[in-house]
């Protein structure tokens, strides 16, 4: 077997791999000898079939397996010896594949881009600022008020009062399209909070000003993207009878409210809220600091990037942004989407940072544990209530999905590793300061 270099330019590599006919024949013979004890054939006892007959029967099929194994082995030996790590799966093409016949040598061409050598980075050279926000009494009070509002009850308004936005109306309704009733278009004693947006756009607005005991005809048009295709874009008339009009009554902020949310007392609920708020602030602060870290890393190191990785990332970015701009286009029949200079600029940043973080994680021997993967799968599975088992099975059979779940966990662990060695200064900040910093992330 012979491996010959034909290209070494930047990160691009090319080689020819030649496997001689004798080597292939020896590998086929090895496979036949290994299989012979288990082979049965008419006229011969198990394990006693002559080698010549085995070769005639199984030789052609085993030749293909022998070729693949020989080439795979040669590639592995090459990468072990050279230390090259391909950026993407190498392109392998058989030379003269159309005319090859048994008894001839096999030669293949292998092309790939190797991952670059990435310079070491001392985490101590990274300087970061961490925003620290305390849960002040006003924020706790605001959160308590929101809890009380979400736990509100409704009391009957004075007889003859008109319904206002925020009121709850109890209605019977029956909907028709072109005078014909449709499934799901009727209900009795339905409690609807006006302004909640829980019904078709325009429905609730037409009940504002209604009184208990009144009949109201509500005319609406179903959205074009409505879930039920037979109703999408259709105009419907709902005959509504208003049976009651009720005003909202926020819950009292007291121990009873606290117990409703699983706390022993109001003070205990306040402490829980403060703890939750500070956890949210820490999460947001970490996101801001992570962006600052990535910005620094992007400028601290420089190395050649595999063009194939940059092209693939730019195409993915262009494709993703296209679908964000065209949410109604769910297919892939939109033709080629050419990446712009901005797409390529972002792709270069992502590839550079991705390779750098991967290398730093490799050198630090950072791994994603089975327990961490299980937690990630569980979190994702919660988005599919009732189908958790099917989702688990899907992930188990889908290496690409496993990688999608593993990648952000690995990246966060590498970021934490770098931050642990960096010079980090805590800076007291207000909730508003933090919110501005988070909003600025979306603008970059």
Protein backbone atom coordinates (compact mmCIF):
# COMPACT_ATOMS: atom_id res chain seq x y z
CA UNK A 1 0.00 0.00 0.00
CA UNK A 2 1.35 3.41 -0.93
CA UNK A 3 0.23 6.92 0.10
CA UNK A 4 1.59 9.79 -2.00
CA UNK A 5 1.10 13.49 -1.30
CA UNK A 6 -0.08 15.48 -4.33
CA UNK A 7 -1.11 18.79 -2.73
CA UNK A 8 0.02 20.70 0.36
CA UNK A 9 -1.13 24.30 0.05
CA UNK A 10 -2.26 26.21 3.12
CA UNK A 11 -4.82 23.95 4.77
CA UNK A 12 -5.57 22.03 1.57
CA UNK A 13 -4.26 18.48 1.27
CA UNK A 14 -4.49 15.81 -1.43
CA UNK A 15 -3.10 12.28 -1.58
CA UNK A 16 -3.28 9.21 -3.76
CA UNK A 17 -3.66 5.88 -2.01
CA UNK A 18 -2.72 2.75 -3.94
CA UNK A 19 -3.69 -0.73 -2.76
CA UNK A 20 -2.04 -3.48 -4.79
CA UNK A 21 -3.95 -6.36 -6.30
CA UNK A 22 -1.92 -8.76 -4.12
CA UNK A 23 -2.95 -6.90 -0.95
CA UNK A 24 -6.60 -7.00 -1.95
CA UNK A 25 -6.41 -10.69 -2.78
CA UNK A 26 -4.78 -11.42 0.57
CA UNK A 27 -7.55 -9.54 2.40
CA UNK A 28 -10.25 -11.42 0.47
CA UNK A 29 -8.51 -14.72 1.29
CA UNK A 30 -8.38 -13.72 4.96
CA UNK A 31 -12.13 -13.09 4.98
CA UNK A 32 -12.88 -16.38 3.23
CA UNK A 33 -10.77 -18.32 5.73
CA UNK A 34 -12.55 -16.57 8.58
CA UNK A 35 -15.99 -17.40 7.13
CA UNK A 36 -15.27 -20.97 5.96
CA UNK A 37 -16.09 -22.81 9.25
CA UNK A 38 -19.65 -21.43 9.23
CA UNK A 39 -20.50 -21.86 5.54
CA UNK A 40 -22.87 -24.61 4.41
CA UNK A 41 -23.33 -25.55 0.76
CA UNK A 42 -25.23 -28.37 -0.95
CA UNK A 43 -23.04 -31.48 -1.23
CA UNK A 44 -20.62 -30.39 1.49
CA UNK A 45 -20.68 -30.56 5.24
CA UNK A 46 -20.61 -27.33 7.24
CA UNK A 47 -17.07 -25.93 7.23
CA UNK A 48 -15.88 -28.28 4.45
CA UNK A 49 -16.73 -26.18 1.37
CA UNK A 50 -13.58 -25.93 -0.83
CA UNK A 51 -11.90 -22.54 -0.86
CA UNK A 52 -12.14 -22.34 -4.66
CA UNK A 53 -15.93 -22.64 -4.48
CA UNK A 54 -16.11 -20.09 -1.67
CA UNK A 55 -14.06 -17.64 -3.72
CA UNK A 56 -16.28 -18.15 -6.77
CA UNK A 57 -19.47 -17.71 -4.68
CA UNK A 58 -18.46 -14.89 -2.38
CA UNK A 59 -15.28 -13.40 -3.81
CA UNK A 60 -16.79 -10.52 -5.83
CA UNK A 61 -18.80 -9.24 -2.86
CA UNK A 62 -15.90 -9.59 -0.45
CA UNK A 63 -13.64 -7.72 -2.89
CA UNK A 64 -15.73 -4.57 -2.40
CA UNK A 65 -15.52 -4.94 1.38
CA UNK A 66 -11.78 -5.54 1.15
CA UNK A 67 -11.30 -2.36 -0.92
CA UNK A 68 -13.26 -0.27 1.57
CA UNK A 69 -11.44 -1.69 4.58
CA UNK A 70 -8.03 -1.23 2.95
CA UNK A 71 -8.72 2.38 2.00
CA UNK A 72 -10.26 3.20 5.40
CA UNK A 73 -7.23 1.63 7.11
CA UNK A 74 -4.83 3.61 4.94
CA UNK A 75 -6.68 6.86 5.72
CA UNK A 76 -6.65 6.15 9.46
CA UNK A 77 -2.94 5.34 9.38
CA UNK A 78 -2.28 8.55 7.46
CA UNK A 79 -4.19 10.73 9.91
CA UNK A 80 -2.56 9.01 12.90
CA UNK A 81 0.89 9.56 11.44
CA UNK A 82 0.40 13.10 10.10
CA UNK A 83 -1.71 14.47 12.96
CA UNK A 84 -4.05 16.05 10.42
CA UNK A 85 -7.66 16.47 11.52
CA UNK A 86 -10.00 16.97 8.52
CA UNK A 87 -12.31 19.97 8.78
CA UNK A 88 -15.01 17.99 6.97
CA UNK A 89 -15.32 14.42 5.72
CA UNK A 90 -12.53 13.87 3.15
CA UNK A 91 -13.57 13.60 -0.49
CA UNK A 92 -12.45 10.21 -1.80
CA UNK A 93 -12.68 9.27 -5.48
CA UNK A 94 -11.52 6.08 -7.18
CA UNK A 95 -9.15 6.62 -10.09
CA UNK A 96 -10.40 4.80 -13.18
CA UNK A 97 -13.36 3.45 -11.26
CA UNK A 98 -15.36 2.76 -14.39
CA UNK A 99 -12.70 0.54 -15.92
CA UNK A 100 -11.27 -1.25 -12.88
CA UNK A 101 -11.35 -5.05 -12.97
CA UNK A 102 -10.29 -7.76 -10.56
CA UNK A 103 -6.55 -8.38 -10.57
CA UNK A 104 -5.65 -4.69 -10.91
CA UNK A 105 -4.28 -2.32 -8.29
CA UNK A 106 -6.78 0.15 -6.79
CA UNK A 107 -5.89 3.83 -6.60
CA UNK A 108 -8.01 6.52 -4.96
CA UNK A 109 -7.61 10.29 -4.66
CA UNK A 110 -8.29 11.87 -1.27
CA UNK A 111 -8.90 15.61 -0.84
CA UNK A 112 -9.56 17.49 2.42
CA UNK A 113 -8.81 20.61 4.41
CA UNK A 114 -7.02 20.04 7.66
CA UNK A 115 -7.92 21.91 10.82
CA UNK A 116 -5.37 24.65 11.52
CA UNK A 117 -2.86 24.75 14.34
CA UNK A 118 -4.46 26.97 16.97
CA UNK A 119 -2.15 29.04 19.18
CA UNK A 120 -2.34 28.65 22.94
CA UNK A 121 -4.32 31.32 24.78
CA UNK A 122 -3.60 32.28 28.37
CA UNK A 123 -6.97 32.90 30.06
CA UNK A 124 -5.23 35.34 32.43
CA UNK A 125 -4.91 37.80 29.52
CA UNK A 126 -8.72 38.05 29.33
CA UNK A 127 -10.19 40.96 31.30
CA UNK A 128 -13.94 40.92 31.97
CA UNK A 129 -16.54 42.92 33.84
CA UNK A 130 -19.50 41.17 35.48
CA UNK A 131 -22.66 43.17 36.20
CA UNK A 132 -24.03 42.38 39.65
CA UNK A 133 -27.67 43.31 40.28
CA UNK A 134 -29.41 42.87 43.61
CA UNK A 135 -33.15 42.24 43.88
CA UNK A 136 -34.24 45.58 45.35
CA UNK A 137 -37.53 45.96 47.30
CA UNK A 138 -39.25 47.71 44.38
CA UNK A 139 -38.58 44.75 42.07
CA UNK A 140 -39.93 42.34 44.69
CA UNK A 141 -43.02 44.52 45.17
CA UNK A 142 -43.60 44.62 41.41
CA UNK A 143 -43.29 40.83 41.19
CA UNK A 144 -45.74 40.43 44.07
CA UNK A 145 -48.22 42.71 42.32
CA UNK A 146 -47.92 40.59 39.16
CA UNK A 147 -48.60 37.44 41.17
CA UNK A 148 -51.62 39.05 42.78
CA UNK A 149 -52.88 40.15 39.35
CA UNK A 150 -52.51 36.67 37.90
CA UNK A 151 -54.42 35.29 40.89
CA UNK A 152 -57.23 37.81 40.49
CA UNK A 153 -60.86 36.91 40.91
CA UNK A 154 -63.90 38.60 39.33
CA UNK A 155 -66.92 40.15 41.03
CA UNK A 156 -70.22 40.97 39.34
CA UNK A 157 -70.44 44.59 38.29
CA UNK A 158 -73.41 46.70 39.26
CA UNK A 159 -76.49 45.83 37.25
CA UNK A 160 -76.53 47.68 33.92
CA UNK A 161 -72.77 48.35 33.90
CA UNK A 162 -70.99 48.18 30.56
CA UNK A 163 -68.16 45.74 30.05
CA UNK A 164 -64.69 47.27 29.95
CA UNK A 165 -61.36 45.97 28.71
CA UNK A 166 -60.01 43.74 31.47
CA UNK A 167 -63.47 42.68 32.61
CA UNK A 168 -64.63 39.11 32.44
CA UNK A 169 -67.81 38.41 30.52
CA UNK A 170 -69.72 35.15 30.74
CA UNK A 171 -71.27 34.38 27.36
CA UNK A 172 -73.12 31.81 25.32
CA UNK A 173 -72.12 31.97 21.66
CA UNK A 174 -72.78 30.22 18.39
CA UNK A 175 -70.78 30.90 15.25
CA UNK A 176 -71.77 30.50 11.62
CA UNK A 177 -70.05 30.91 8.26
CA UNK A 178 -72.44 31.77 5.43
CA UNK A 179 -75.28 30.90 7.81
CA UNK A 180 -73.94 27.40 8.53
CA UNK A 181 -72.73 26.40 12.01
CA UNK A 182 -69.25 24.85 12.25
CA UNK A 183 -67.56 22.50 14.69
CA UNK A 184 -66.04 24.20 17.72
CA UNK A 185 -67.92 27.42 17.06
CA UNK A 186 -70.35 27.23 19.98
CA UNK A 187 -70.16 27.21 23.80
CA UNK A 188 -72.23 28.02 26.86
CA UNK A 189 -71.22 29.86 30.04
CA UNK A 190 -67.80 30.64 28.60
CA UNK A 191 -65.76 33.05 30.76
CA UNK A 192 -63.78 35.45 28.56
CA UNK A 193 -61.47 38.22 29.77
CA UNK A 194 -61.75 41.14 27.36
CA UNK A 195 -58.38 42.23 26.06
CA UNK A 196 -56.75 38.86 26.78
CA UNK A 197 -56.35 38.10 23.07
CA UNK A 198 -57.53 34.53 23.61
CA UNK A 199 -60.18 34.73 20.87
CA UNK A 200 -60.01 35.61 17.15
CA UNK A 201 -58.68 39.17 16.60
CA UNK A 202 -61.56 41.65 16.82
CA UNK A 203 -63.92 39.33 18.77
CA UNK A 204 -63.27 40.72 22.24
CA UNK A 205 -63.29 44.36 21.08
CA UNK A 206 -66.91 44.03 19.95
CA UNK A 207 -68.03 42.95 23.41
CA UNK A 208 -66.59 46.04 25.10
CA UNK A 209 -69.60 48.17 26.16
CA UNK A 210 -72.01 45.22 26.30
CA UNK A 211 -74.28 44.73 29.33
CA UNK A 212 -75.50 41.60 31.07
CA UNK A 213 -78.62 40.28 29.34
CA UNK A 214 -77.76 41.78 25.94
CA UNK A 215 -77.41 39.88 22.67
CA UNK A 216 -74.47 40.93 20.52
CA UNK A 217 -73.66 39.84 16.95
CA UNK A 218 -69.87 39.67 16.60
CA UNK A 219 -68.48 39.59 13.06
CA UNK A 220 -64.85 38.53 12.58
CA UNK A 221 -62.60 37.19 9.85
CA UNK A 222 -60.44 34.17 10.57
CA UNK A 223 -56.72 34.77 9.87
CA UNK A 224 -55.34 33.39 6.61
CA UNK A 225 -52.95 31.24 8.64
CA UNK A 226 -55.69 29.87 10.90
CA UNK A 227 -55.11 26.29 12.06
CA UNK A 228 -58.39 24.96 10.63
CA UNK A 229 -57.92 25.25 6.86
CA UNK A 230 -61.68 25.22 6.12
CA UNK A 231 -62.09 28.39 8.22
CA UNK A 232 -58.91 30.25 7.22
CA UNK A 233 -59.75 33.64 5.73
CA UNK A 234 -63.52 33.11 6.16
CA UNK A 235 -65.89 35.67 7.72
CA UNK A 236 -67.91 34.35 10.65
CA UNK A 237 -70.80 35.75 12.66
CA UNK A 238 -71.08 34.81 16.34
CA UNK A 239 -74.45 35.25 18.03
CA UNK A 240 -73.47 36.05 21.62
CA UNK A 241 -75.61 36.33 24.74
CA UNK A 242 -73.92 38.21 27.58
CA UNK A 243 -74.96 36.51 30.82
CA UNK A 244 -72.71 38.39 33.26
CA UNK A 245 -70.18 41.22 33.40
CA UNK A 246 -67.54 40.95 36.12
CA UNK A 247 -64.82 43.34 37.23
CA UNK A 248 -61.32 42.10 38.08
CA UNK A 249 -60.35 41.96 41.72
CA UNK A 250 -56.61 41.41 42.35
CA UNK A 251 -55.77 39.04 45.14
CA UNK A 252 -54.69 40.52 48.46
CA UNK A 253 -50.94 40.47 49.00
CA UNK A 254 -50.92 38.51 52.23
CA UNK A 255 -50.08 35.14 53.74
CA UNK A 256 -52.96 33.51 51.87
CA UNK A 257 -51.46 34.55 48.55
CA UNK A 258 -48.09 33.21 49.70
CA UNK A 259 -49.59 29.84 50.59
CA UNK A 260 -51.23 29.68 47.17
CA UNK A 261 -47.72 29.78 45.68
CA UNK A 262 -46.30 27.19 48.08
CA UNK A 263 -44.70 29.54 50.63
CA UNK A 264 -45.36 29.42 54.35
CA UNK A 265 -45.78 33.19 54.72
CA UNK A 266 -45.63 36.46 52.84
CA UNK A 267 -42.06 37.05 54.07
CA UNK A 268 -41.07 33.60 52.81
CA UNK A 269 -42.66 34.37 49.42
CA UNK A 270 -40.74 37.65 49.23
CA UNK A 271 -37.50 35.80 49.93
CA UNK A 272 -38.29 33.27 47.19
CA UNK A 273 -39.05 36.05 44.74
CA UNK A 274 -35.81 37.85 45.57
CA UNK A 275 -33.86 34.62 45.07
CA UNK A 276 -35.57 33.96 41.74
CA UNK A 277 -34.98 37.51 40.52
CA UNK A 278 -31.30 37.38 41.41
CA UNK A 279 -30.97 34.05 39.58
CA UNK A 280 -32.54 35.70 36.51
CA UNK A 281 -30.18 38.66 36.85
CA UNK A 282 -27.17 36.32 37.10
CA UNK A 283 -28.28 34.51 33.97
CA UNK A 284 -28.65 37.75 32.04
CA UNK A 285 -25.35 39.06 33.39
CA UNK A 286 -23.62 35.88 32.30
CA UNK A 287 -24.99 36.29 28.77
CA UNK A 288 -23.60 39.84 28.63
CA UNK A 289 -20.22 38.73 29.96
CA UNK A 290 -20.11 35.78 27.55
CA UNK A 291 -20.59 38.12 24.59
CA UNK A 292 -17.79 40.34 25.90
CA UNK A 293 -15.57 37.27 26.26
CA UNK A 294 -16.26 36.08 22.72
CA UNK A 295 -15.55 39.56 21.39
CA UNK A 296 -12.18 39.54 23.14
CA UNK A 297 -11.30 36.03 21.99
CA UNK A 298 -12.14 36.98 18.41
CA UNK A 299 -9.44 39.65 18.55
CA UNK A 300 -6.84 37.81 20.64
CA UNK A 301 -6.02 34.97 18.26
CA UNK A 302 -5.50 34.67 14.52
CA UNK A 303 -5.13 31.54 12.40
CA UNK A 304 -6.09 30.29 8.95
CA UNK A 305 -9.65 29.01 8.57
CA UNK A 306 -10.76 26.09 6.40
CA UNK A 307 -12.68 27.63 3.50
CA UNK A 308 -15.03 24.64 3.45
CA UNK A 309 -16.16 25.33 7.03
CA UNK A 310 -16.63 29.05 6.36
CA UNK A 311 -18.65 28.33 3.20
CA UNK A 312 -20.86 25.82 5.01
CA UNK A 313 -21.47 28.22 7.90
CA UNK A 314 -22.21 31.17 5.57
CA UNK A 315 -24.73 29.07 3.64
CA UNK A 316 -26.39 27.97 6.86
CA UNK A 317 -26.64 31.55 8.12
CA UNK A 318 -28.11 32.74 4.81
CA UNK A 319 -30.63 29.88 4.82
CA UNK A 320 -31.66 30.52 8.43
CA UNK A 321 -32.11 34.27 7.92
CA UNK A 322 -34.11 33.64 4.74
CA UNK A 323 -36.62 31.54 6.66
CA UNK A 324 -36.77 34.11 9.48
CA UNK A 325 -37.68 36.73 6.85
CA UNK A 326 -40.12 34.34 5.11
CA UNK A 327 -41.87 32.47 7.96
CA UNK A 328 -44.58 31.16 5.62
CA UNK A 329 -42.03 29.34 3.44
CA UNK A 330 -41.62 26.04 5.26
CA UNK A 331 -40.07 24.08 2.40
CA UNK A 332 -36.73 24.11 0.65
CA UNK A 333 -37.94 24.83 -2.90
CA UNK A 334 -36.79 28.44 -2.79
CA UNK A 335 -33.71 27.87 -4.95
CA UNK A 336 -30.16 28.76 -4.05
CA UNK A 337 -29.63 31.46 -1.43
CA UNK A 338 -26.38 33.30 -2.00
CA UNK A 339 -24.61 34.40 1.22
CA UNK A 340 -23.83 38.10 1.44
CA UNK A 341 -20.60 39.69 2.64
CA UNK A 342 -22.26 40.17 6.05
CA UNK A 343 -23.15 36.48 6.18
CA UNK A 344 -19.56 35.54 5.39
CA UNK A 345 -18.19 37.97 7.97
CA UNK A 346 -20.39 36.41 10.64
CA UNK A 347 -19.44 32.93 9.42
CA UNK A 348 -15.73 33.73 9.78
CA UNK A 349 -16.29 34.87 13.37
CA UNK A 350 -18.35 31.78 14.25
CA UNK A 351 -15.88 29.34 12.70
CA UNK A 352 -12.88 31.01 14.33
CA UNK A 353 -14.51 31.06 17.78
CA UNK A 354 -15.88 27.55 17.36
CA UNK A 355 -12.45 26.12 16.53
CA UNK A 356 -10.78 28.09 19.33
CA UNK A 357 -13.28 27.00 21.99
CA UNK A 358 -13.16 23.40 20.75
CA UNK A 359 -9.36 23.37 21.00
CA UNK A 360 -9.32 24.99 24.45
CA UNK A 361 -11.91 22.49 25.62
CA UNK A 362 -9.89 19.60 24.18
CA UNK A 363 -6.69 20.72 25.89
CA UNK A 364 -8.56 21.21 29.18
CA UNK A 365 -10.12 17.73 28.76
CA UNK A 366 -13.62 19.16 29.06
CA UNK A 367 -16.38 16.69 28.26
CA UNK A 368 -20.17 16.54 28.37
CA UNK A 369 -21.30 13.89 30.84
CA UNK A 370 -24.14 11.44 30.30
CA UNK A 371 -26.05 13.13 33.13
CA UNK A 372 -25.74 16.52 31.42
CA UNK A 373 -26.95 15.05 28.14
CA UNK A 374 -29.90 13.41 29.89
CA UNK A 375 -30.89 16.74 31.44
CA UNK A 376 -30.64 18.43 28.03
CA UNK A 377 -32.83 15.77 26.41
CA UNK A 378 -35.37 16.03 29.26
CA UNK A 379 -35.55 19.81 28.87
CA UNK A 380 -36.08 19.49 25.14
CA UNK A 381 -38.64 16.68 25.55
CA UNK A 382 -40.85 18.92 27.69
CA UNK A 383 -41.68 20.83 24.51
CA UNK A 384 -43.51 17.72 23.28
CA UNK A 385 -45.99 16.82 26.05
CA UNK A 386 -47.26 13.28 25.69
CA UNK A 387 -44.51 12.40 23.19
CA UNK A 388 -41.51 12.38 25.52
CA UNK A 389 -40.71 8.70 24.90
CA UNK A 390 -40.78 9.16 21.11
CA UNK A 391 -38.47 12.17 21.44
CA UNK A 392 -35.98 10.17 23.54
CA UNK A 393 -35.95 7.40 20.92
CA UNK A 394 -35.49 9.97 18.15
CA UNK A 395 -32.46 11.47 19.90
CA UNK A 396 -30.94 8.02 20.55
CA UNK A 397 -31.08 7.19 16.84
CA UNK A 398 -30.01 10.61 15.58
CA UNK A 399 -26.31 11.50 16.08
CA UNK A 400 -26.87 14.93 14.52
CA UNK A 401 -29.54 15.77 17.11
CA UNK A 402 -27.24 14.52 19.88
CA UNK A 403 -24.55 16.89 18.64
CA UNK A 404 -27.00 19.80 18.54
CA UNK A 405 -27.80 19.19 22.20
CA UNK A 406 -24.19 18.53 23.22
CA UNK A 407 -22.60 21.56 21.50
CA UNK A 408 -24.10 24.37 23.66
CA UNK A 409 -23.36 22.44 26.86
CA UNK A 410 -19.73 21.97 25.82
CA UNK A 411 -19.42 25.63 24.81
CA UNK A 412 -20.80 26.86 28.14
CA UNK A 413 -18.41 24.61 30.06
CA UNK A 414 -15.46 25.94 28.07
CA UNK A 415 -16.63 29.52 28.67
CA UNK A 416 -16.85 28.82 32.41
CA UNK A 417 -13.33 27.34 32.28
CA UNK A 418 -11.95 30.49 30.62
CA UNK A 419 -13.82 32.83 32.97
CA UNK A 420 -12.41 30.93 35.96
CA UNK A 421 -8.90 31.84 34.81
CA UNK A 422 -9.66 35.36 33.60
CA UNK A 423 -9.44 38.65 35.47
CA UNK A 424 -13.08 39.34 36.35
CA UNK A 425 -14.25 42.49 38.12
CA UNK A 426 -17.72 42.64 39.65
CA UNK A 427 -19.55 45.89 38.91
CA UNK A 428 -22.72 46.80 40.86
CA UNK A 429 -25.51 47.73 38.45
CA UNK A 430 -29.23 48.45 38.38
CA UNK A 431 -31.86 46.30 36.74
CA UNK A 432 -32.18 48.98 34.05
CA UNK A 433 -28.43 48.88 33.36
CA UNK A 434 -28.60 45.13 32.91
CA UNK A 435 -31.66 45.34 30.69
CA UNK A 436 -29.91 47.86 28.39
CA UNK A 437 -26.86 45.58 28.17
CA UNK A 438 -29.06 42.61 27.26
CA UNK A 439 -30.92 44.61 24.64
CA UNK A 440 -27.61 45.66 23.14
CA UNK A 441 -26.79 41.98 22.51
CA UNK A 442 -29.60 41.80 19.94
CA UNK A 443 -28.26 44.86 18.13
CA UNK A 444 -24.84 43.30 17.51
